[in-house]
Amino acid sequence: MVRKMKIIEAKTFYQKLKGLMFQKEFDYILKFKTNGIHTFFMKTNIDVILTDKNNKILHIYKNLKPNKIILPKKGVKYIYEIPVNYINKTKIGDYFNP
């Protein structure tokens, strides 16, 4: 069984700008209120979940490499950046509820 992870919401301009850039490891989920992201300057691959306003999962990206872009997608309200392979170890239904 995989443990639940702490969710940290990027609220300030600086938190949103920095995100997970330059980090080699992290043990939490980073939540953004946005509909698109990039992985420039990231040091590790990540898993990404895009949800609507009710946290219904719309898209999942596993093992997303650095220097990639997820363009804005219709209906997406939140994006969760998750340590790589966490999704593979977790049962995820229609709604994201970490």
Protein backbone atom coordinates (compact mmCIF):
# COMPACT_ATOMS: atom_id res chain seq x y z
CA MET A 1 0.00 0.00 0.00
CA VAL A 2 1.31 3.42 -0.93
CA ARG A 3 1.12 6.13 1.70
CA LYS A 4 -0.91 9.25 1.11
CA MET A 5 1.19 12.21 0.15
CA LYS A 6 1.01 15.77 1.38
CA ILE A 7 -0.39 18.20 -1.19
CA ILE A 8 1.21 21.62 -1.43
CA GLU A 9 -0.69 24.17 -3.50
CA ALA A 10 1.37 26.66 -5.47
CA LYS A 11 -0.50 29.89 -4.78
CA THR A 12 1.96 32.76 -5.03
CA PHE A 13 3.57 33.97 -8.22
CA TYR A 14 6.97 32.73 -7.02
CA GLN A 15 5.63 29.27 -6.05
CA LYS A 16 4.00 28.91 -9.46
CA LEU A 17 7.11 30.14 -11.25
CA LYS A 18 9.51 27.87 -9.37
CA GLY A 19 7.34 24.76 -9.16
CA LEU A 20 9.67 21.75 -9.06
CA MET A 21 12.48 23.34 -11.06
CA PHE A 22 16.01 22.29 -10.05
CA GLN A 23 14.79 19.62 -7.56
CA LYS A 24 16.22 16.13 -7.90
CA GLU A 25 13.73 14.52 -5.50
CA PHE A 26 10.49 15.43 -3.75
CA ASP A 27 8.03 13.53 -1.57
CA TYR A 28 4.85 15.56 -1.95
CA ILE A 29 2.28 16.46 -4.59
CA LEU A 30 2.40 19.96 -6.03
CA LYS A 31 -0.99 21.36 -7.04
CA PHE A 32 -1.43 24.19 -9.54
CA LYS A 33 -4.61 26.04 -10.44
CA THR A 34 -3.89 26.15 -14.17
CA ASN A 35 -4.55 24.22 -17.37
CA GLY A 36 -1.04 23.80 -18.79
CA ILE A 37 2.55 23.38 -17.54
CA HIS A 38 6.14 22.93 -18.65
CA THR A 39 8.97 20.85 -17.23
CA PHE A 40 11.85 23.13 -18.20
CA PHE A 41 14.76 23.13 -15.73
CA MET A 42 13.43 20.06 -13.95
CA LYS A 43 15.98 17.46 -12.83
CA THR A 44 13.68 14.44 -12.70
CA ASN A 45 10.76 12.87 -14.52
CA ILE A 46 7.31 13.32 -12.95
CA ASP A 47 3.79 11.96 -13.18
CA VAL A 48 1.07 14.53 -13.90
CA ILE A 49 -2.69 14.47 -13.39
CA LEU A 50 -4.99 17.08 -14.94
CA THR A 51 -8.46 17.46 -13.41
CA ASP A 52 -11.57 19.59 -13.77
CA LYS A 53 -12.98 21.84 -11.02
CA ASN A 54 -14.41 18.79 -9.20
CA ASN A 55 -11.10 16.87 -9.41
CA LYS A 56 -12.45 14.51 -12.06
CA ILE A 57 -9.43 13.19 -13.91
CA LEU A 58 -9.27 14.37 -17.52
CA HIS A 59 -5.68 13.44 -18.47
CA ILE A 60 -2.78 11.49 -16.98
CA TYR A 61 0.85 11.75 -18.03
CA LYS A 62 3.20 9.12 -16.65
CA ASN A 63 6.96 9.51 -16.51
CA LEU A 64 6.96 12.97 -18.13
CA LYS A 65 10.52 13.96 -18.97
CA PRO A 66 12.16 17.36 -18.36
CA ASN A 67 11.86 20.03 -21.07
CA LYS A 68 8.34 19.08 -22.13
CA ILE A 69 5.20 21.20 -22.43
CA ILE A 70 1.61 20.27 -21.66
CA LEU A 71 -0.38 22.85 -23.59
CA PRO A 72 -3.56 24.25 -22.01
CA LYS A 73 -6.43 21.80 -22.30
CA LYS A 74 -10.14 22.54 -22.32
CA GLY A 75 -11.91 21.87 -19.04
CA VAL A 76 -8.73 21.52 -16.97
CA LYS A 77 -8.77 23.49 -13.71
CA TYR A 78 -6.02 21.82 -11.64
CA ILE A 79 -2.73 20.12 -12.38
CA TYR A 80 -0.98 17.84 -9.91
CA GLU A 81 2.75 17.16 -10.25
CA ILE A 82 3.57 13.88 -8.57
CA PRO A 83 6.79 11.92 -7.95
CA VAL A 84 7.44 9.55 -10.85
CA ASN A 85 5.84 6.09 -10.62
CA TYR A 86 3.51 7.10 -7.75
CA ILE A 87 0.56 6.64 -10.13
CA ASN A 88 1.71 3.09 -10.96
CA LYS A 89 1.66 2.20 -7.26
CA THR A 90 -1.73 3.76 -6.53
CA LYS A 91 -5.25 2.83 -7.50
CA ILE A 92 -6.78 5.88 -9.14
CA GLY A 93 -10.45 6.01 -10.02
CA ASP A 94 -12.34 8.66 -11.97
CA TYR A 95 -11.60 11.33 -9.37
CA PHE A 96 -8.24 12.28 -7.92
CA ASN A 97 -8.34 12.07 -4.13
CA PRO A 98 -4.77 11.73 -2.84
